[in-house]
Amino acid sequence: MNFTRIIPSVFYIDIRDGLKFFVDCLQFEIEHQELKSSNPYCVLGKDGIRIMLFQDEQLAKEHFPELRIETKNIDEVFASVSASHPQFLHPNLNKVTLRPWGAKEFAIADNQVGIRFMQW
């Protein structure tokens, strides 16, 4: 078996919340979108990472994913996020912190998803 990547699906009650989080804050690009369809969704991409956002109220109420994104420059990511969207910083990990397992991490969250950024 050979796998090349994982592409998470994230569900929002209002897909515009996901676009604020991933596109506005984290600077993902919209690679495909059907935002005006009866079942709005889009494919987002950045640096070889892809995420699919869906507007689905029932699934959004059932799923609250936490994603981990590895980076080579966590201080740059933290500076960008904290300057542009400080409201997303997670209160339990709102600064770059060296964890016992050797990774530096910080976290953000919106009303649907949490993301931990890591640098080994």
PDB file of N, CA and C in Angstrom:
ATOM      1  N   MET A   1       0.843  -1.190   0.000  1.00  0.00           N
ATOM      2  CA  MET A   1       0.000   0.000   0.000  1.00  0.00           C
ATOM      3  C   MET A   1       0.879   1.242   0.000  1.00  0.00           C
ATOM      4  N   ASN A   2       0.394   2.245  -0.692  1.00  0.00           N
ATOM      5  CA  ASN A   2       1.120   3.504  -0.759  1.00  0.00           C
ATOM      6  C   ASN A   2       0.112   4.642  -0.626  1.00  0.00           C
ATOM      7  N   PHE A   3       0.289   5.476   0.383  1.00  0.00           N
ATOM      8  CA  PHE A   3      -0.577   6.635   0.593  1.00  0.00           C
ATOM      9  C   PHE A   3       0.234   7.895   0.325  1.00  0.00           C
ATOM     10  N   THR A   4      -0.415   8.920  -0.194  1.00  0.00           N
ATOM     11  CA  THR A   4       0.311  10.151  -0.488  1.00  0.00           C
ATOM     12  C   THR A   4      -0.123  11.335   0.361  1.00  0.00           C
ATOM     13  N   ARG A   5      -1.354  11.306   0.903  1.00  0.00           N
ATOM     14  CA  ARG A   5      -1.768  12.422   1.761  1.00  0.00           C
ATOM     15  C   ARG A   5      -3.126  12.111   2.375  1.00  0.00           C
ATOM     16  N   ILE A   6      -3.428  12.779   3.475  1.00  0.00           N
ATOM     17  CA  ILE A   6      -4.758  12.744   4.084  1.00  0.00           C
ATOM     18  C   ILE A   6      -5.425  14.076   3.775  1.00  0.00           C
ATOM     19  N   ILE A   7      -6.678  14.032   3.378  1.00  0.00           N
ATOM     20  CA  ILE A   7      -7.435  15.250   3.093  1.00  0.00           C
ATOM     21  C   ILE A   7      -8.653  15.255   4.012  1.00  0.00           C
ATOM     22  N   PRO A   8      -8.596  16.019   5.093  1.00  0.00           N
ATOM     23  CA  PRO A   8      -9.732  16.029   6.020  1.00  0.00           C
ATOM     24  C   PRO A   8     -10.945  16.753   5.443  1.00  0.00           C
ATOM     25  N   SER A   9     -12.110  16.308   5.876  1.00  0.00           N
ATOM     26  CA  SER A   9     -13.373  16.982   5.592  1.00  0.00           C
ATOM     27  C   SER A   9     -13.829  17.659   6.876  1.00  0.00           C
ATOM     28  N   VAL A  10     -14.146  18.936   6.775  1.00  0.00           N
ATOM     29  CA  VAL A  10     -14.581  19.703   7.936  1.00  0.00           C
ATOM     30  C   VAL A  10     -15.967  20.256   7.626  1.00  0.00           C
ATOM     31  N   PHE A  11     -16.894  20.083   8.563  1.00  0.00           N
ATOM     32  CA  PHE A  11     -18.281  20.478   8.369  1.00  0.00           C
ATOM     33  C   PHE A  11     -18.600  21.707   9.206  1.00  0.00           C
ATOM     34  N   TYR A  12     -19.269  22.663   8.596  1.00  0.00           N
ATOM     35  CA  TYR A  12     -19.685  23.897   9.252  1.00  0.00           C
ATOM     36  C   TYR A  12     -21.187  24.073   9.091  1.00  0.00           C
ATOM     37  N   ILE A  13     -21.807  24.680  10.088  1.00  0.00           N
ATOM     38  CA  ILE A  13     -23.200  25.097   9.933  1.00  0.00           C
ATOM     39  C   ILE A  13     -23.268  26.163   8.851  1.00  0.00           C
ATOM     40  N   ASP A  14     -22.329  27.107   8.888  1.00  0.00           N
ATOM     41  CA  ASP A  14     -22.219  28.160   7.879  1.00  0.00           C
ATOM     42  C   ASP A  14     -20.804  28.099   7.317  1.00  0.00           C
ATOM     43  N   ILE A  15     -20.657  27.699   6.087  1.00  0.00           N
ATOM     44  CA  ILE A  15     -19.342  27.502   5.473  1.00  0.00           C
ATOM     45  C   ILE A  15     -18.513  28.790   5.482  1.00  0.00           C
ATOM     46  N   ARG A  16     -19.171  29.946   5.570  1.00  0.00           N
ATOM     47  CA  ARG A  16     -18.423  31.211   5.611  1.00  0.00           C
ATOM     48  C   ARG A  16     -17.526  31.293   6.839  1.00  0.00           C
ATOM     49  N   ASP A  17     -17.928  30.640   7.946  1.00  0.00           N
ATOM     50  CA  ASP A  17     -17.060  30.595   9.133  1.00  0.00           C
ATOM     51  C   ASP A  17     -15.755  29.864   8.811  1.00  0.00           C
ATOM     52  N   GLY A  18     -15.848  28.769   8.084  1.00  0.00           N
ATOM     53  CA  GLY A  18     -14.653  28.024   7.691  1.00  0.00           C
ATOM     54  C   GLY A  18     -13.770  28.801   6.747  1.00  0.00           C
ATOM     55  N   LEU A  19     -14.377  29.560   5.849  1.00  0.00           N
ATOM     56  CA  LEU A  19     -13.589  30.375   4.932  1.00  0.00           C
ATOM     57  C   LEU A  19     -12.839  31.480   5.679  1.00  0.00           C
ATOM     58  N   LYS A  20     -13.466  32.075   6.690  1.00  0.00           N
ATOM     59  CA  LYS A  20     -12.766  33.079   7.511  1.00  0.00           C
ATOM     60  C   LYS A  20     -11.563  32.458   8.196  1.00  0.00           C
ATOM     61  N   PHE A  21     -11.749  31.242   8.729  1.00  0.00           N
ATOM     62  CA  PHE A  21     -10.702  30.567   9.491  1.00  0.00           C
ATOM     63  C   PHE A  21      -9.553  30.114   8.581  1.00  0.00           C
ATOM     64  N   PHE A  22      -9.878  29.384   7.516  1.00  0.00           N
ATOM     65  CA  PHE A  22      -8.838  28.796   6.679  1.00  0.00           C
ATOM     66  C   PHE A  22      -8.313  29.743   5.602  1.00  0.00           C
ATOM     67  N   VAL A  23      -9.186  30.512   4.960  1.00  0.00           N
ATOM     68  CA  VAL A  23      -8.744  31.392   3.870  1.00  0.00           C
ATOM     69  C   VAL A  23      -8.239  32.718   4.418  1.00  0.00           C
ATOM     70  N   ASP A  24      -9.050  33.399   5.221  1.00  0.00           N
ATOM     71  CA  ASP A  24      -8.651  34.718   5.714  1.00  0.00           C
ATOM     72  C   ASP A  24      -7.501  34.629   6.715  1.00  0.00           C
ATOM     73  N   CYS A  25      -7.608  33.738   7.693  1.00  0.00           N
ATOM     74  CA  CYS A  25      -6.600  33.650   8.749  1.00  0.00           C
ATOM     75  C   CYS A  25      -5.362  32.872   8.305  1.00  0.00           C
ATOM     76  N   LEU A  26      -5.553  31.678   7.754  1.00  0.00           N
ATOM     77  CA  LEU A  26      -4.419  30.800   7.445  1.00  0.00           C
ATOM     78  C   LEU A  26      -3.956  30.880   5.993  1.00  0.00           C
ATOM     79  N   GLN A  27      -4.607  31.686   5.188  1.00  0.00           N
ATOM     80  CA  GLN A  27      -4.204  31.981   3.810  1.00  0.00           C
ATOM     81  C   GLN A  27      -4.235  30.768   2.881  1.00  0.00           C
ATOM     82  N   PHE A  28      -5.186  29.850   3.126  1.00  0.00           N
ATOM     83  CA  PHE A  28      -5.426  28.781   2.160  1.00  0.00           C
ATOM     84  C   PHE A  28      -6.075  29.411   0.926  1.00  0.00           C
ATOM     85  N   GLU A  29      -5.908  28.762  -0.218  1.00  0.00           N
ATOM     86  CA  GLU A  29      -6.520  29.206  -1.464  1.00  0.00           C
ATOM     87  C   GLU A  29      -7.720  28.321  -1.772  1.00  0.00           C
ATOM     88  N   ILE A  30      -8.744  28.906  -2.359  1.00  0.00           N
ATOM     89  CA  ILE A  30      -9.886  28.123  -2.810  1.00  0.00           C
ATOM     90  C   ILE A  30      -9.512  27.516  -4.164  1.00  0.00           C
ATOM     91  N   GLU A  31      -9.409  26.177  -4.196  1.00  0.00           N
ATOM     92  CA  GLU A  31      -9.046  25.488  -5.434  1.00  0.00           C
ATOM     93  C   GLU A  31     -10.277  25.084  -6.242  1.00  0.00           C
ATOM     94  N   HIS A  32     -11.371  24.855  -5.567  1.00  0.00           N
ATOM     95  CA  HIS A  32     -12.640  24.544  -6.222  1.00  0.00           C
ATOM     96  C   HIS A  32     -13.739  24.944  -5.251  1.00  0.00           C
ATOM     97  N   GLN A  33     -14.834  25.473  -5.772  1.00  0.00           N
ATOM     98  CA  GLN A  33     -15.926  25.842  -4.879  1.00  0.00           C
ATOM     99  C   GLN A  33     -17.264  25.694  -5.571  1.00  0.00           C
ATOM    100  N   GLU A  34     -18.224  25.287  -4.776  1.00  0.00           N
ATOM    101  CA  GLU A  34     -19.624  25.265  -5.185  1.00  0.00           C
ATOM    102  C   GLU A  34     -20.431  25.853  -4.033  1.00  0.00           C
ATOM    103  N   LEU A  35     -20.134  27.113  -3.737  1.00  0.00           N
ATOM    104  CA  LEU A  35     -20.719  27.794  -2.581  1.00  0.00           C
ATOM    105  C   LEU A  35     -22.187  28.153  -2.789  1.00  0.00           C
ATOM    106  N   LYS A  36     -22.632  28.241  -4.030  1.00  0.00           N
ATOM    107  CA  LYS A  36     -24.022  28.614  -4.281  1.00  0.00           C
ATOM    108  C   LYS A  36     -24.910  27.416  -4.564  1.00  0.00           C
ATOM    109  N   SER A  37     -24.381  26.217  -4.388  1.00  0.00           N
ATOM    110  CA  SER A  37     -25.185  25.015  -4.621  1.00  0.00           C
ATOM    111  C   SER A  37     -26.068  24.743  -3.403  1.00  0.00           C
ATOM    112  N   SER A  38     -26.956  23.783  -3.534  1.00  0.00           N
ATOM    113  CA  SER A  38     -27.823  23.433  -2.400  1.00  0.00           C
ATOM    114  C   SER A  38     -27.048  22.759  -1.276  1.00  0.00           C
ATOM    115  N   ASN A  39     -25.872  22.215  -1.567  1.00  0.00           N
ATOM    116  CA  ASN A  39     -24.970  21.630  -0.569  1.00  0.00           C
ATOM    117  C   ASN A  39     -23.587  22.260  -0.737  1.00  0.00           C
ATOM    118  N   PRO A  40     -23.405  23.469  -0.218  1.00  0.00           N
ATOM    119  CA  PRO A  40     -22.158  24.197  -0.461  1.00  0.00           C
ATOM    120  C   PRO A  40     -20.925  23.437   0.055  1.00  0.00           C
ATOM    121  N   TYR A  41     -19.877  23.476  -0.761  1.00  0.00           N
ATOM    122  CA  TYR A  41     -18.596  22.909  -0.346  1.00  0.00           C
ATOM    123  C   TYR A  41     -17.492  23.582  -1.133  1.00  0.00           C
ATOM    124  N   CYS A  42     -16.266  23.384  -0.676  1.00  0.00           N
ATOM    125  CA  CYS A  42     -15.115  23.865  -1.416  1.00  0.00           C
ATOM    126  C   CYS A  42     -13.885  23.051  -1.040  1.00  0.00           C
ATOM    127  N   VAL A  43     -12.915  23.074  -1.924  1.00  0.00           N
ATOM    128  CA  VAL A  43     -11.622  22.441  -1.702  1.00  0.00           C
ATOM    129  C   VAL A  43     -10.625  23.569  -1.512  1.00  0.00           C
ATOM    130  N   LEU A  44      -9.881  23.510  -0.402  1.00  0.00           N
ATOM    131  CA  LEU A  44      -8.886  24.527  -0.100  1.00  0.00           C
ATOM    132  C   LEU A  44      -7.503  23.899  -0.152  1.00  0.00           C
ATOM    133  N   GLY A  45      -6.515  24.683  -0.529  1.00  0.00           N
ATOM    134  CA  GLY A  45      -5.153  24.165  -0.585  1.00  0.00           C
ATOM    135  C   GLY A  45      -4.134  25.202  -0.173  1.00  0.00           C
ATOM    136  N   LYS A  46      -3.021  24.701   0.379  1.00  0.00           N
ATOM    137  CA  LYS A  46      -1.888  25.556   0.746  1.00  0.00           C
ATOM    138  C   LYS A  46      -0.686  24.661   0.967  1.00  0.00           C
ATOM    139  N   ASP A  47       0.408  24.931   0.276  1.00  0.00           N
ATOM    140  CA  ASP A  47       1.679  24.233   0.497  1.00  0.00           C
ATOM    141  C   ASP A  47       1.542  22.709   0.438  1.00  0.00           C
ATOM    142  N   GLY A  48       0.729  22.198  -0.475  1.00  0.00           N
ATOM    143  CA  GLY A  48       0.560  20.755  -0.611  1.00  0.00           C
ATOM    144  C   GLY A  48      -0.467  20.145   0.329  1.00  0.00           C
ATOM    145  N   ILE A  49      -1.079  20.947   1.184  1.00  0.00           N
ATOM    146  CA  ILE A  49      -2.130  20.482   2.098  1.00  0.00           C
ATOM    147  C   ILE A  49      -3.474  20.799   1.455  1.00  0.00           C
ATOM    148  N   ARG A  50      -4.400  19.868   1.527  1.00  0.00           N
ATOM    149  CA  ARG A  50      -5.767  20.128   1.052  1.00  0.00           C
ATOM    150  C   ARG A  50      -6.752  19.820   2.162  1.00  0.00           C
ATOM    151  N   ILE A  51      -7.814  20.621   2.210  1.00  0.00           N
ATOM    152  CA  ILE A  51      -8.903  20.449   3.167  1.00  0.00           C
ATOM    153  C   ILE A  51     -10.200  20.668   2.400  1.00  0.00           C
ATOM    154  N   MET A  52     -11.185  19.853   2.692  1.00  0.00           N
ATOM    155  CA  MET A  52     -12.504  20.048   2.082  1.00  0.00           C
ATOM    156  C   MET A  52     -13.446  20.596   3.143  1.00  0.00           C
ATOM    157  N   LEU A  53     -14.104  21.703   2.840  1.00  0.00           N
ATOM    158  CA  LEU A  53     -15.091  22.299   3.734  1.00  0.00           C
ATOM    159  C   LEU A  53     -16.478  22.038   3.168  1.00  0.00           C
ATOM    160  N   PHE A  54     -17.383  21.661   4.055  1.00  0.00           N
ATOM    161  CA  PHE A  54     -18.762  21.395   3.675  1.00  0.00           C
ATOM    162  C   PHE A  54     -19.694  22.171   4.586  1.00  0.00           C
ATOM    163  N   GLN A  55     -20.791  22.649   4.044  1.00  0.00           N
ATOM    164  CA  GLN A  55     -21.855  23.231   4.861  1.00  0.00           C
ATOM    165  C   GLN A  55     -22.902  22.147   5.074  1.00  0.00           C
ATOM    166  N   ASP A  56     -22.982  21.666   6.321  1.00  0.00           N
ATOM    167  CA  ASP A  56     -23.931  20.604   6.661  1.00  0.00           C
ATOM    168  C   ASP A  56     -24.216  20.724   8.158  1.00  0.00           C
ATOM    169  N   GLU A  57     -25.368  21.258   8.492  1.00  0.00           N
ATOM    170  CA  GLU A  57     -25.689  21.549   9.890  1.00  0.00           C
ATOM    171  C   GLU A  57     -25.648  20.312  10.766  1.00  0.00           C
ATOM    172  N   GLN A  58     -26.241  19.223  10.312  1.00  0.00           N
ATOM    173  CA  GLN A  58     -26.280  18.012  11.139  1.00  0.00           C
ATOM    174  C   GLN A  58     -24.880  17.472  11.404  1.00  0.00           C
ATOM    175  N   LEU A  59     -24.058  17.344  10.372  1.00  0.00           N
ATOM    176  CA  LEU A  59     -22.708  16.820  10.565  1.00  0.00           C
ATOM    177  C   LEU A  59     -21.835  17.795  11.367  1.00  0.00           C
ATOM    178  N   ALA A  60     -22.059  19.096  11.186  1.00  0.00           N
ATOM    179  CA  ALA A  60     -21.291  20.079  11.952  1.00  0.00           C
ATOM    180  C   ALA A  60     -21.558  19.946  13.445  1.00  0.00           C
ATOM    181  N   LYS A  61     -22.782  19.583  13.798  1.00  0.00           N
ATOM    182  CA  LYS A  61     -23.120  19.417  15.216  1.00  0.00           C
ATOM    183  C   LYS A  61     -22.573  18.117  15.790  1.00  0.00           C
ATOM    184  N   GLU A  62     -22.164  17.186  14.943  1.00  0.00           N
ATOM    185  CA  GLU A  62     -21.648  15.900  15.395  1.00  0.00           C
ATOM    186  C   GLU A  62     -20.121  15.830  15.408  1.00  0.00           C
ATOM    187  N   HIS A  63     -19.448  16.638  14.584  1.00  0.00           N
ATOM    188  CA  HIS A  63     -17.999  16.526  14.406  1.00  0.00           C
ATOM    189  C   HIS A  63     -17.290  17.816  14.814  1.00  0.00           C
ATOM    190  N   PHE A  64     -16.303  17.667  15.673  1.00  0.00           N
ATOM    191  CA  PHE A  64     -15.462  18.797  16.096  1.00  0.00           C
ATOM    192  C   PHE A  64     -14.004  18.362  15.991  1.00  0.00           C
ATOM    193  N   PRO A  65     -13.438  18.369  14.782  1.00  0.00           N
ATOM    194  CA  PRO A  65     -12.097  17.812  14.600  1.00  0.00           C
ATOM    195  C   PRO A  65     -10.996  18.688  15.179  1.00  0.00           C
ATOM    196  N   GLU A  66      -9.906  18.019  15.526  1.00  0.00           N
ATOM    197  CA  GLU A  66      -8.666  18.717  15.843  1.00  0.00           C
ATOM    198  C   GLU A  66      -7.629  18.239  14.844  1.00  0.00           C
ATOM    199  N   LEU A  67      -7.019  19.178  14.162  1.00  0.00           N
ATOM    200  CA  LEU A  67      -6.003  18.878  13.163  1.00  0.00           C
ATOM    201  C   LEU A  67      -4.651  19.328  13.686  1.00  0.00           C
ATOM    202  N   ARG A  68      -3.595  18.673  13.237  1.00  0.00           N
ATOM    203  CA  ARG A  68      -2.225  19.106  13.528  1.00  0.00           C
ATOM    204  C   ARG A  68      -1.557  19.437  12.209  1.00  0.00           C
ATOM    205  N   ILE A  69      -0.943  20.604  12.161  1.00  0.00           N
ATOM    206  CA  ILE A  69      -0.208  21.022  10.973  1.00  0.00           C
ATOM    207  C   ILE A  69       1.235  21.248  11.391  1.00  0.00           C
ATOM    208  N   GLU A  70       2.130  20.527  10.733  1.00  0.00           N
ATOM    209  CA  GLU A  70       3.557  20.662  11.013  1.00  0.00           C
ATOM    210  C   GLU A  70       4.125  21.774  10.143  1.00  0.00           C
ATOM    211  N   THR A  71       5.018  22.548  10.714  1.00  0.00           N
ATOM    212  CA  THR A  71       5.654  23.657  10.012  1.00  0.00           C
ATOM    213  C   THR A  71       7.147  23.664  10.330  1.00  0.00           C
ATOM    214  N   LYS A  72       7.903  24.348   9.502  1.00  0.00           N
ATOM    215  CA  LYS A  72       9.338  24.498   9.759  1.00  0.00           C
ATOM    216  C   LYS A  72       9.653  25.834  10.420  1.00  0.00           C
ATOM    217  N   ASN A  73       8.625  26.711  10.546  1.00  0.00           N
ATOM    218  CA  ASN A  73       8.853  28.012  11.163  1.00  0.00           C
ATOM    219  C   ASN A  73       7.629  28.418  11.972  1.00  0.00           C
ATOM    220  N   ILE A  74       7.487  27.816  13.133  1.00  0.00           N
ATOM    221  CA  ILE A  74       6.300  28.054  13.969  1.00  0.00           C
ATOM    222  C   ILE A  74       6.227  29.497  14.454  1.00  0.00           C
ATOM    223  N   ASP A  75       7.379  30.126  14.680  1.00  0.00           N
ATOM    224  CA  ASP A  75       7.363  31.512  15.152  1.00  0.00           C
ATOM    225  C   ASP A  75       6.759  32.444  14.099  1.00  0.00           C
ATOM    226  N   GLU A  76       7.037  32.183  12.823  1.00  0.00           N
ATOM    227  CA  GLU A  76       6.459  32.987  11.749  1.00  0.00           C
ATOM    228  C   GLU A  76       4.947  32.768  11.661  1.00  0.00           C
ATOM    229  N   VAL A  77       4.503  31.520  11.782  1.00  0.00           N
ATOM    230  CA  VAL A  77       3.071  31.220  11.739  1.00  0.00           C
ATOM    231  C   VAL A  77       2.368  31.895  12.909  1.00  0.00           C
ATOM    232  N   PHE A  78       2.959  31.765  14.103  1.00  0.00           N
ATOM    233  CA  PHE A  78       2.359  32.377  15.291  1.00  0.00           C
ATOM    234  C   PHE A  78       2.273  33.901  15.131  1.00  0.00           C
ATOM    235  N   ALA A  79       3.339  34.516  14.651  1.00  0.00           N
ATOM    236  CA  ALA A  79       3.336  35.978  14.477  1.00  0.00           C
ATOM    237  C   ALA A  79       2.233  36.405  13.511  1.00  0.00           C
ATOM    238  N   SER A  80       2.077  35.676  12.419  1.00  0.00           N
ATOM    239  CA  SER A  80       1.053  36.022  11.431  1.00  0.00           C
ATOM    240  C   SER A  80      -0.355  35.865  12.002  1.00  0.00           C
ATOM    241  N   VAL A  81      -0.628  34.715  12.622  1.00  0.00           N
ATOM    242  CA  VAL A  81      -1.970  34.458  13.156  1.00  0.00           C
ATOM    243  C   VAL A  81      -2.296  35.401  14.306  1.00  0.00           C
ATOM    244  N   SER A  82      -1.360  35.588  15.223  1.00  0.00           N
ATOM    245  CA  SER A  82      -1.639  36.421  16.393  1.00  0.00           C
ATOM    246  C   SER A  82      -1.810  37.890  16.010  1.00  0.00           C
ATOM    247  N   ALA A  83      -1.161  38.329  14.925  1.00  0.00           N
ATOM    248  CA  ALA A  83      -1.319  39.714  14.477  1.00  0.00           C
ATOM    249  C   ALA A  83      -2.633  39.912  13.722  1.00  0.00           C
ATOM    250  N   SER A  84      -2.998  38.943  12.891  1.00  0.00           N
ATOM    251  CA  SER A  84      -4.166  39.145  12.029  1.00  0.00           C
ATOM    252  C   SER A  84      -5.481  38.642  12.634  1.00  0.00           C
ATOM    253  N   HIS A  85      -5.442  37.565  13.426  1.00  0.00           N
ATOM    254  CA  HIS A  85      -6.660  36.948  13.955  1.00  0.00           C
ATOM    255  C   HIS A  85      -6.444  36.445  15.389  1.00  0.00           C
ATOM    256  N   PRO A  86      -6.104  37.316  16.323  1.00  0.00           N
ATOM    257  CA  PRO A  86      -5.826  36.864  17.696  1.00  0.00           C
ATOM    258  C   PRO A  86      -7.021  36.204  18.366  1.00  0.00           C
ATOM    259  N   GLN A  87      -8.227  36.478  17.892  1.00  0.00           N
ATOM    260  CA  GLN A  87      -9.425  35.876  18.482  1.00  0.00           C
ATOM    261  C   GLN A  87      -9.447  34.360  18.309  1.00  0.00           C
ATOM    262  N   PHE A  88      -8.658  33.831  17.375  1.00  0.00           N
ATOM    263  CA  PHE A  88      -8.635  32.391  17.149  1.00  0.00           C
ATOM    264  C   PHE A  88      -7.634  31.657  18.052  1.00  0.00           C
ATOM    265  N   LEU A  89      -6.743  32.369  18.741  1.00  0.00           N
ATOM    266  CA  LEU A  89      -5.771  31.693  19.611  1.00  0.00           C
ATOM    267  C   LEU A  89      -6.503  30.924  20.701  1.00  0.00           C
ATOM    268  N   HIS A  90      -6.126  29.663  20.877  1.00  0.00           N
ATOM    269  CA  HIS A  90      -6.790  28.810  21.877  1.00  0.00           C
ATOM    270  C   HIS A  90      -6.283  29.197  23.259  1.00  0.00           C
ATOM    271  N   PRO A  91      -7.173  29.388  24.237  1.00  0.00           N
ATOM    272  CA  PRO A  91      -6.741  29.848  25.562  1.00  0.00           C
ATOM    273  C   PRO A  91      -5.801  28.881  26.280  1.00  0.00           C
ATOM    274  N   ASN A  92      -5.831  27.604  25.952  1.00  0.00           N
ATOM    275  CA  ASN A  92      -4.959  26.641  26.632  1.00  0.00           C
ATOM    276  C   ASN A  92      -3.578  26.506  26.008  1.00  0.00           C
ATOM    277  N   LEU A  93      -3.386  27.064  24.830  1.00  0.00           N
ATOM    278  CA  LEU A  93      -2.079  26.972  24.164  1.00  0.00           C
ATOM    279  C   LEU A  93      -1.925  28.179  23.235  1.00  0.00           C
ATOM    280  N   ASN A  94      -2.006  29.376  23.844  1.00  0.00           N
ATOM    281  CA  ASN A  94      -2.061  30.621  23.066  1.00  0.00           C
ATOM    282  C   ASN A  94      -0.704  31.275  22.836  1.00  0.00           C
ATOM    283  N   LYS A  95       0.372  30.528  23.056  1.00  0.00           N
ATOM    284  CA  LYS A  95       1.721  30.993  22.729  1.00  0.00           C
ATOM    285  C   LYS A  95       2.546  29.773  22.351  1.00  0.00           C
ATOM    286  N   VAL A  96       3.639  30.003  21.654  1.00  0.00           N
ATOM    287  CA  VAL A  96       4.511  28.903  21.263  1.00  0.00           C
ATOM    288  C   VAL A  96       5.132  28.313  22.527  1.00  0.00           C
ATOM    289  N   THR A  97       4.937  27.007  22.697  1.00  0.00           N
ATOM    290  CA  THR A  97       5.341  26.320  23.916  1.00  0.00           C
ATOM    291  C   THR A  97       6.098  25.049  23.552  1.00  0.00           C
ATOM    292  N   LEU A  98       7.234  24.827  24.199  1.00  0.00           N
ATOM    293  CA  LEU A  98       7.976  23.581  24.011  1.00  0.00           C
ATOM    294  C   LEU A  98       7.288  22.493  24.816  1.00  0.00           C
ATOM    295  N   ARG A  99       6.857  21.447  24.131  1.00  0.00           N
ATOM    296  CA  ARG A  99       6.123  20.355  24.761  1.00  0.00           C
ATOM    297  C   ARG A  99       7.098  19.268  25.238  1.00  0.00           C
ATOM    298  N   PRO A 100       6.699  18.432  26.200  1.00  0.00           N
ATOM    299  CA  PRO A 100       7.602  17.395  26.735  1.00  0.00           C
ATOM    300  C   PRO A 100       8.130  16.436  25.668  1.00  0.00           C
ATOM    301  N   TRP A 101       7.414  16.240  24.563  1.00  0.00           N
ATOM    302  CA  TRP A 101       7.843  15.315  23.515  1.00  0.00           C
ATOM    303  C   TRP A 101       8.782  15.964  22.516  1.00  0.00           C
ATOM    304  N   GLY A 102       9.174  17.222  22.770  1.00  0.00           N
ATOM    305  CA  GLY A 102      10.192  17.875  21.958  1.00  0.00           C
ATOM    306  C   GLY A 102       9.687  18.779  20.851  1.00  0.00           C
ATOM    307  N   ALA A 103       8.391  18.880  20.664  1.00  0.00           N
ATOM    308  CA  ALA A 103       7.833  19.755  19.635  1.00  0.00           C
ATOM    309  C   ALA A 103       7.441  21.093  20.243  1.00  0.00           C
ATOM    310  N   LYS A 104       7.652  22.158  19.464  1.00  0.00           N
ATOM    311  CA  LYS A 104       7.099  23.454  19.841  1.00  0.00           C
ATOM    312  C   LYS A 104       5.704  23.514  19.232  1.00  0.00           C
ATOM    313  N   GLU A 105       4.714  24.012  20.006  1.00  0.00           N
ATOM    314  CA  GLU A 105       3.329  24.035  19.544  1.00  0.00           C
ATOM    315  C   GLU A 105       2.604  25.289  20.002  1.00  0.00           C
ATOM    316  N   PHE A 106       1.571  25.659  19.242  1.00  0.00           N
ATOM    317  CA  PHE A 106       0.532  26.571  19.700  1.00  0.00           C
ATOM    318  C   PHE A 106      -0.741  26.150  19.001  1.00  0.00           C
ATOM    319  N   ALA A 107      -1.893  26.640  19.482  1.00  0.00           N
ATOM    320  CA  ALA A 107      -3.168  26.174  18.949  1.00  0.00           C
ATOM    321  C   ALA A 107      -4.106  27.337  18.661  1.00  0.00           C
ATOM    322  N   ILE A 108      -4.978  27.095  17.674  1.00  0.00           N
ATOM    323  CA  ILE A 108      -6.058  28.019  17.359  1.00  0.00           C
ATOM    324  C   ILE A 108      -7.350  27.215  17.252  1.00  0.00           C
ATOM    325  N   ALA A 109      -8.474  27.915  17.363  1.00  0.00           N
ATOM    326  CA  ALA A 109      -9.768  27.253  17.223  1.00  0.00           C
ATOM    327  C   ALA A 109     -10.811  28.281  16.814  1.00  0.00           C
ATOM    328  N   ASP A 110     -11.789  27.812  16.051  1.00  0.00           N
ATOM    329  CA  ASP A 110     -12.975  28.615  15.791  1.00  0.00           C
ATOM    330  C   ASP A 110     -14.157  27.866  16.389  1.00  0.00           C
ATOM    331  N   ASN A 111     -15.346  28.089  15.904  1.00  0.00           N
ATOM    332  CA  ASN A 111     -16.526  27.447  16.484  1.00  0.00           C
ATOM    333  C   ASN A 111     -16.680  25.991  16.062  1.00  0.00           C
ATOM    334  N   GLN A 112     -15.783  25.468  15.226  1.00  0.00           N
ATOM    335  CA  GLN A 112     -15.951  24.124  14.697  1.00  0.00           C
ATOM    336  C   GLN A 112     -14.709  23.249  14.769  1.00  0.00           C
ATOM    337  N   VAL A 113     -13.527  23.824  14.601  1.00  0.00           N
ATOM    338  CA  VAL A 113     -12.311  23.021  14.464  1.00  0.00           C
ATOM    339  C   VAL A 113     -11.176  23.626  15.278  1.00  0.00           C
ATOM    340  N   GLY A 114     -10.323  22.756  15.790  1.00  0.00           N
ATOM    341  CA  GLY A 114      -9.108  23.183  16.469  1.00  0.00           C
ATOM    342  C   GLY A 114      -7.910  22.764  15.640  1.00  0.00           C
ATOM    343  N   ILE A 115      -6.882  23.609  15.632  1.00  0.00           N
ATOM    344  CA  ILE A 115      -5.655  23.286  14.907  1.00  0.00           C
ATOM    345  C   ILE A 115      -4.473  23.530  15.839  1.00  0.00           C
ATOM    346  N   ARG A 116      -3.609  22.517  15.938  1.00  0.00           N
ATOM    347  CA  ARG A 116      -2.335  22.662  16.644  1.00  0.00           C
ATOM    348  C   ARG A 116      -1.243  22.759  15.588  1.00  0.00           C
ATOM    349  N   PHE A 117      -0.444  23.792  15.690  1.00  0.00           N
ATOM    350  CA  PHE A 117       0.715  23.930  14.830  1.00  0.00           C
ATOM    351  C   PHE A 117       1.902  23.372  15.578  1.00  0.00           C
ATOM    352  N   MET A 118       2.748  22.607  14.888  1.00  0.00           N
ATOM    353  CA  MET A 118       3.876  21.926  15.510  1.00  0.00           C
ATOM    354  C   MET A 118       5.150  22.159  14.709  1.00  0.00           C
ATOM    355  N   GLN A 119       6.245  22.271  15.434  1.00  0.00           N
ATOM    356  CA  GLN A 119       7.567  22.273  14.815  1.00  0.00           C
ATOM    357  C   GLN A 119       8.449  21.356  15.641  1.00  0.00           C
ATOM    358  N   TRP A 120       9.025  20.343  15.011  1.00  0.00           N
ATOM    359  CA  TRP A 120       9.912  19.414  15.714  1.00  0.00           C
ATOM    360  C   TRP A 120      11.302  19.979  15.776  1.00  0.00           C
TER     361      TRP A 120
END
